[in-house]
């Protein structure tokens, strides 16, 4: 029977396993997660258009039996177009064209300047125990100044046409419209999405309305493909710019 003393000195202990440093793995994992989050937050990284801009379809109109004609030229059951309304879009499912004439220019200038000065002067007596003091050594002065200036200018221009569909007609003479236009190119695709509230009285005879006359307008113009990716900053650069304190 072995004693604990003999067991302690006779048995060969296995060396403790060396734990590998997990710092590089955790760093790589953190960089990958941050890169994915940075790519998702970037609004220019959209891979496909947003849903919800599909054209609205008007509800089917039940077919009414055609009443026999009484010899008159006008018959309401055969359908007609109002003399005042004409063929202008006014019902759910009708289409109209929105003329994009967005031109926005903003400018901002800020400037601040401050200045402060102070002076302290002590004149020692010429006689007595303090006569040895140097008058120039007791003089003190201080000052501070700040000058800051900033300028910001931005210009946005968007022109073109996009067809939209009337989704909802309201009792006050307005209508909610929405629509999109997709263009598939050789190096990707582009799309423009539009929605807003249109006053039916602003629609002209050619079913056109200016985008400046649309209330609560939402305009999105973007795309994807190799050209769009080449014009954007890389995800690693965006990651370091997001965490950079400078």
Protein backbone atom coordinates (compact mmCIF):
# COMPACT_ATOMS: atom_id res chain seq x y z
CA UNK A 1 0.00 0.00 0.00
CA UNK A 2 1.47 3.31 -1.05
CA UNK A 3 1.48 6.21 1.26
CA UNK A 4 0.58 9.68 0.10
CA UNK A 5 4.22 10.60 0.50
CA UNK A 6 5.39 7.85 -1.87
CA UNK A 7 2.63 8.58 -4.34
CA UNK A 8 3.65 12.20 -4.44
CA UNK A 9 7.26 11.44 -5.40
CA UNK A 10 6.81 8.30 -7.52
CA UNK A 11 4.02 9.22 -9.89
CA UNK A 12 4.91 11.28 -12.90
CA UNK A 13 2.76 14.33 -13.20
CA UNK A 14 1.57 15.37 -16.59
CA UNK A 15 2.41 18.93 -17.45
CA UNK A 16 -0.56 21.27 -17.46
CA UNK A 17 -1.82 21.98 -20.97
CA UNK A 18 -0.67 25.25 -22.34
CA UNK A 19 -3.59 27.51 -22.99
CA UNK A 20 -3.39 29.23 -26.29
CA UNK A 21 -3.89 32.90 -26.32
CA UNK A 22 -7.35 33.77 -27.53
CA UNK A 23 -6.58 37.42 -28.10
CA UNK A 24 -5.95 37.19 -31.88
CA UNK A 25 -9.08 35.09 -32.40
CA UNK A 26 -11.22 37.50 -30.42
CA UNK A 27 -9.74 40.45 -32.28
CA UNK A 28 -10.48 38.90 -35.66
CA UNK A 29 -14.02 38.05 -34.57
CA UNK A 30 -14.59 41.59 -33.35
CA UNK A 31 -13.30 43.07 -36.59
CA UNK A 32 -15.58 40.81 -38.65
CA UNK A 33 -18.65 41.70 -36.56
CA UNK A 34 -17.86 45.41 -36.71
CA UNK A 35 -17.35 45.18 -40.47
CA UNK A 36 -20.69 43.46 -40.97
CA UNK A 37 -22.47 46.06 -38.84
CA UNK A 38 -20.74 48.89 -40.70
CA UNK A 39 -21.79 47.38 -44.04
CA UNK A 40 -25.40 46.99 -42.90
CA UNK A 41 -25.62 50.53 -41.55
CA UNK A 42 -24.31 52.00 -44.80
CA UNK A 43 -27.42 53.15 -46.75
CA UNK A 44 -25.55 52.89 -50.07
CA UNK A 45 -25.07 49.14 -49.66
CA UNK A 46 -28.67 48.29 -50.60
CA UNK A 47 -28.78 45.14 -52.68
CA UNK A 48 -32.35 45.50 -53.92
CA UNK A 49 -35.14 48.10 -53.88
CA UNK A 50 -37.33 48.48 -50.85
CA UNK A 51 -40.69 46.78 -50.96
CA UNK A 52 -43.96 48.65 -50.73
CA UNK A 53 -43.86 50.64 -53.99
CA UNK A 54 -45.79 48.15 -56.09
CA UNK A 55 -48.54 49.65 -58.28
CA UNK A 56 -52.03 49.67 -56.88
CA UNK A 57 -54.78 47.91 -58.78
CA UNK A 58 -58.24 49.39 -58.81
CA UNK A 59 -61.01 47.11 -57.54
CA UNK A 60 -62.94 45.44 -60.32
CA UNK A 61 -66.13 47.21 -61.29
CA UNK A 62 -69.12 44.88 -61.44
CA UNK A 63 -70.56 44.60 -64.89
CA UNK A 64 -73.97 46.20 -65.13
CA UNK A 65 -76.51 44.89 -67.55
CA UNK A 66 -76.90 47.22 -70.49
CA UNK A 67 -80.33 48.69 -70.53
CA UNK A 68 -82.05 48.82 -73.86
CA UNK A 69 -81.62 52.14 -75.56
CA UNK A 70 -84.58 54.45 -75.74
CA UNK A 71 -83.44 56.07 -78.93
CA UNK A 72 -81.23 58.66 -77.24
CA UNK A 73 -77.62 59.27 -78.23
CA UNK A 74 -76.37 59.38 -74.61
CA UNK A 75 -76.45 56.18 -72.56
CA UNK A 76 -74.91 56.25 -69.08
CA UNK A 77 -74.51 52.45 -68.95
CA UNK A 78 -72.03 52.44 -71.84
CA UNK A 79 -69.59 54.64 -69.91
CA UNK A 80 -68.58 58.21 -70.46
CA UNK A 81 -65.90 60.73 -69.58
CA UNK A 82 -66.76 63.87 -67.68
CA UNK A 83 -66.50 67.09 -69.65
CA UNK A 84 -64.62 68.91 -66.84
CA UNK A 85 -62.38 66.07 -65.66
CA UNK A 86 -61.41 64.75 -69.04
CA UNK A 87 -58.89 61.95 -68.92
CA UNK A 88 -56.95 63.25 -65.93
CA UNK A 89 -56.02 60.72 -63.26
CA UNK A 90 -58.44 60.89 -60.34
CA UNK A 91 -59.30 57.31 -59.26
CA UNK A 92 -57.45 54.50 -57.54
CA UNK A 93 -55.26 52.66 -60.04
CA UNK A 94 -54.86 55.64 -62.40
CA UNK A 95 -51.31 56.55 -63.32
CA UNK A 96 -49.64 59.94 -63.58
CA UNK A 97 -46.15 61.26 -64.15
CA UNK A 98 -44.14 63.09 -61.53
CA UNK A 99 -41.62 65.59 -62.92
CA UNK A 100 -38.55 65.53 -60.67
CA UNK A 101 -37.30 69.09 -60.40
CA UNK A 102 -35.53 68.91 -57.04
CA UNK A 103 -32.86 71.57 -56.64
CA UNK A 104 -31.67 72.23 -53.10
CA UNK A 105 -28.81 74.54 -52.12
CA UNK A 106 -27.84 75.12 -48.51
CA UNK A 107 -25.09 77.26 -47.04
CA UNK A 108 -24.05 77.85 -43.46
CA UNK A 109 -21.32 80.00 -41.97
CA UNK A 110 -20.35 80.17 -38.32
CA UNK A 111 -17.66 82.24 -36.67
CA UNK A 112 -16.73 82.80 -33.04
CA UNK A 113 -13.98 84.92 -31.51
CA UNK A 114 -13.16 85.58 -27.86
CA UNK A 115 -10.32 87.43 -26.18
CA UNK A 116 -9.45 87.99 -22.54
CA UNK A 117 -6.53 89.75 -20.83
CA UNK A 118 -5.55 90.31 -17.21
CA UNK A 119 -2.73 92.04 -15.36
CA UNK A 120 -1.56 92.04 -11.73
CA UNK A 121 0.93 94.59 -10.40
CA UNK A 122 2.40 94.95 -6.87
CA UNK A 123 4.75 97.76 -5.87
CA UNK A 124 6.87 96.89 -2.77
CA UNK A 125 7.85 99.59 -0.29
CA UNK A 126 11.17 101.34 -0.81
CA UNK A 127 12.03 101.24 2.90
CA UNK A 128 11.66 98.65 5.61
CA UNK A 129 12.13 94.88 5.68
CA UNK A 130 10.53 94.43 2.23
CA UNK A 131 12.67 96.94 0.42
CA UNK A 132 14.82 94.17 -1.02
CA UNK A 133 12.00 92.92 -3.26
CA UNK A 134 12.32 93.55 -6.96
CA UNK A 135 9.25 95.38 -8.32
CA UNK A 136 9.53 93.61 -11.69
CA UNK A 137 9.37 90.17 -10.06
CA UNK A 138 5.93 90.90 -8.53
CA UNK A 139 4.24 91.83 -11.79
CA UNK A 140 2.02 89.18 -13.45
CA UNK A 141 -0.19 89.21 -16.51
CA UNK A 142 -2.20 86.67 -18.46
CA UNK A 143 -4.31 86.45 -21.55
CA UNK A 144 -6.30 84.03 -23.68
CA UNK A 145 -7.85 84.18 -27.10
CA UNK A 146 -9.95 81.92 -29.34
CA UNK A 147 -10.83 82.23 -33.01
CA UNK A 148 -13.00 79.65 -34.76
CA UNK A 149 -14.63 79.63 -38.18
CA UNK A 150 -16.65 77.10 -40.15
CA UNK A 151 -18.28 77.01 -43.58
CA UNK A 152 -20.61 74.40 -45.07
CA UNK A 153 -22.20 74.34 -48.53
CA UNK A 154 -24.28 71.59 -50.15
CA UNK A 155 -26.01 71.45 -53.51
CA UNK A 156 -28.39 68.68 -54.64
CA UNK A 157 -29.92 68.37 -58.11
CA UNK A 158 -32.33 65.69 -59.33
CA UNK A 159 -34.22 65.85 -62.61
CA UNK A 160 -36.23 63.31 -64.57
CA UNK A 161 -39.64 61.64 -64.66
CA UNK A 162 -41.14 58.73 -62.79
CA UNK A 163 -44.57 57.19 -63.19
CA UNK A 164 -46.67 56.62 -60.08
CA UNK A 165 -50.03 55.06 -59.30
CA UNK A 166 -52.85 56.51 -57.22
CA UNK A 167 -53.22 54.30 -54.16
CA UNK A 168 -55.77 56.23 -52.12
CA UNK A 169 -58.17 59.08 -52.92
CA UNK A 170 -59.20 61.28 -50.01
CA UNK A 171 -62.28 63.37 -49.49
CA UNK A 172 -60.40 66.68 -49.41
CA UNK A 173 -59.31 66.37 -53.04
CA UNK A 174 -55.87 64.84 -52.43
CA UNK A 175 -54.50 61.44 -53.33
CA UNK A 176 -51.66 59.29 -52.07
CA UNK A 177 -49.40 58.11 -54.89
CA UNK A 178 -46.43 55.80 -55.07
CA UNK A 179 -44.33 54.15 -57.74
CA UNK A 180 -40.88 53.12 -58.81
CA UNK A 181 -38.75 52.79 -61.93
CA UNK A 182 -36.10 50.10 -62.32
CA UNK A 183 -33.34 50.14 -64.92
CA UNK A 184 -31.24 47.01 -65.42
CA UNK A 185 -27.87 47.93 -66.91
CA UNK A 186 -24.90 45.85 -68.00
CA UNK A 187 -23.01 46.63 -64.78
CA UNK A 188 -25.90 46.43 -62.33
CA UNK A 189 -29.28 48.02 -61.85
CA UNK A 190 -30.62 51.37 -60.70
CA UNK A 191 -33.98 52.35 -59.33
CA UNK A 192 -35.88 55.41 -58.20
CA UNK A 193 -38.79 55.15 -55.76
CA UNK A 194 -41.30 57.91 -55.12
CA UNK A 195 -44.29 58.40 -52.83
CA UNK A 196 -46.25 61.38 -51.55
CA UNK A 197 -49.57 63.24 -51.43
CA UNK A 198 -50.77 64.97 -54.58
CA UNK A 199 -53.55 67.52 -54.93
CA UNK A 200 -55.67 66.33 -57.83
CA UNK A 201 -56.21 69.92 -58.92
CA UNK A 202 -52.45 70.25 -59.63
CA UNK A 203 -52.51 67.45 -62.21
CA UNK A 204 -52.44 68.96 -65.70
CA UNK A 205 -54.15 67.68 -68.84
CA UNK A 206 -51.19 65.42 -69.64
CA UNK A 207 -51.35 63.78 -66.20
CA UNK A 208 -48.18 65.46 -64.99
CA UNK A 209 -47.36 67.04 -61.66
CA UNK A 210 -44.18 68.66 -60.37
CA UNK A 211 -42.36 67.01 -57.48
CA UNK A 212 -42.27 70.39 -55.72
CA UNK A 213 -46.09 70.26 -55.54
CA UNK A 214 -46.09 66.89 -53.76
CA UNK A 215 -46.47 66.93 -49.99
CA UNK A 216 -44.58 64.48 -47.76
CA UNK A 217 -42.52 63.39 -50.77
CA UNK A 218 -40.19 60.41 -50.32
CA UNK A 219 -37.60 60.06 -53.07
CA UNK A 220 -34.96 57.36 -53.14
CA UNK A 221 -32.50 57.00 -56.00
CA UNK A 222 -29.80 54.34 -55.67
CA UNK A 223 -28.50 51.18 -57.31
CA UNK A 224 -26.12 48.28 -57.07
CA UNK A 225 -23.47 46.59 -59.17
CA UNK A 226 -19.76 46.93 -59.79
CA UNK A 227 -19.90 50.64 -60.63
CA UNK A 228 -21.76 51.42 -57.42
CA UNK A 229 -19.35 49.33 -55.34
CA UNK A 230 -16.32 51.00 -56.89
CA UNK A 231 -17.60 54.46 -55.95
CA UNK A 232 -18.02 53.55 -52.27
CA UNK A 233 -15.43 53.37 -49.53
CA UNK A 234 -14.37 49.89 -48.46
CA UNK A 235 -15.85 48.32 -45.33
CA UNK A 236 -12.48 48.22 -43.55
CA UNK A 237 -11.89 51.92 -44.19
CA UNK A 238 -15.40 52.74 -42.95
CA UNK A 239 -14.75 50.64 -39.84
CA UNK A 240 -11.53 52.47 -38.94
CA UNK A 241 -13.12 55.83 -39.73
CA UNK A 242 -16.02 54.98 -37.40
CA UNK A 243 -13.74 54.21 -34.44
CA UNK A 244 -11.08 56.81 -35.18
CA UNK A 245 -11.06 59.61 -32.56
CA UNK A 246 -9.47 62.08 -35.00
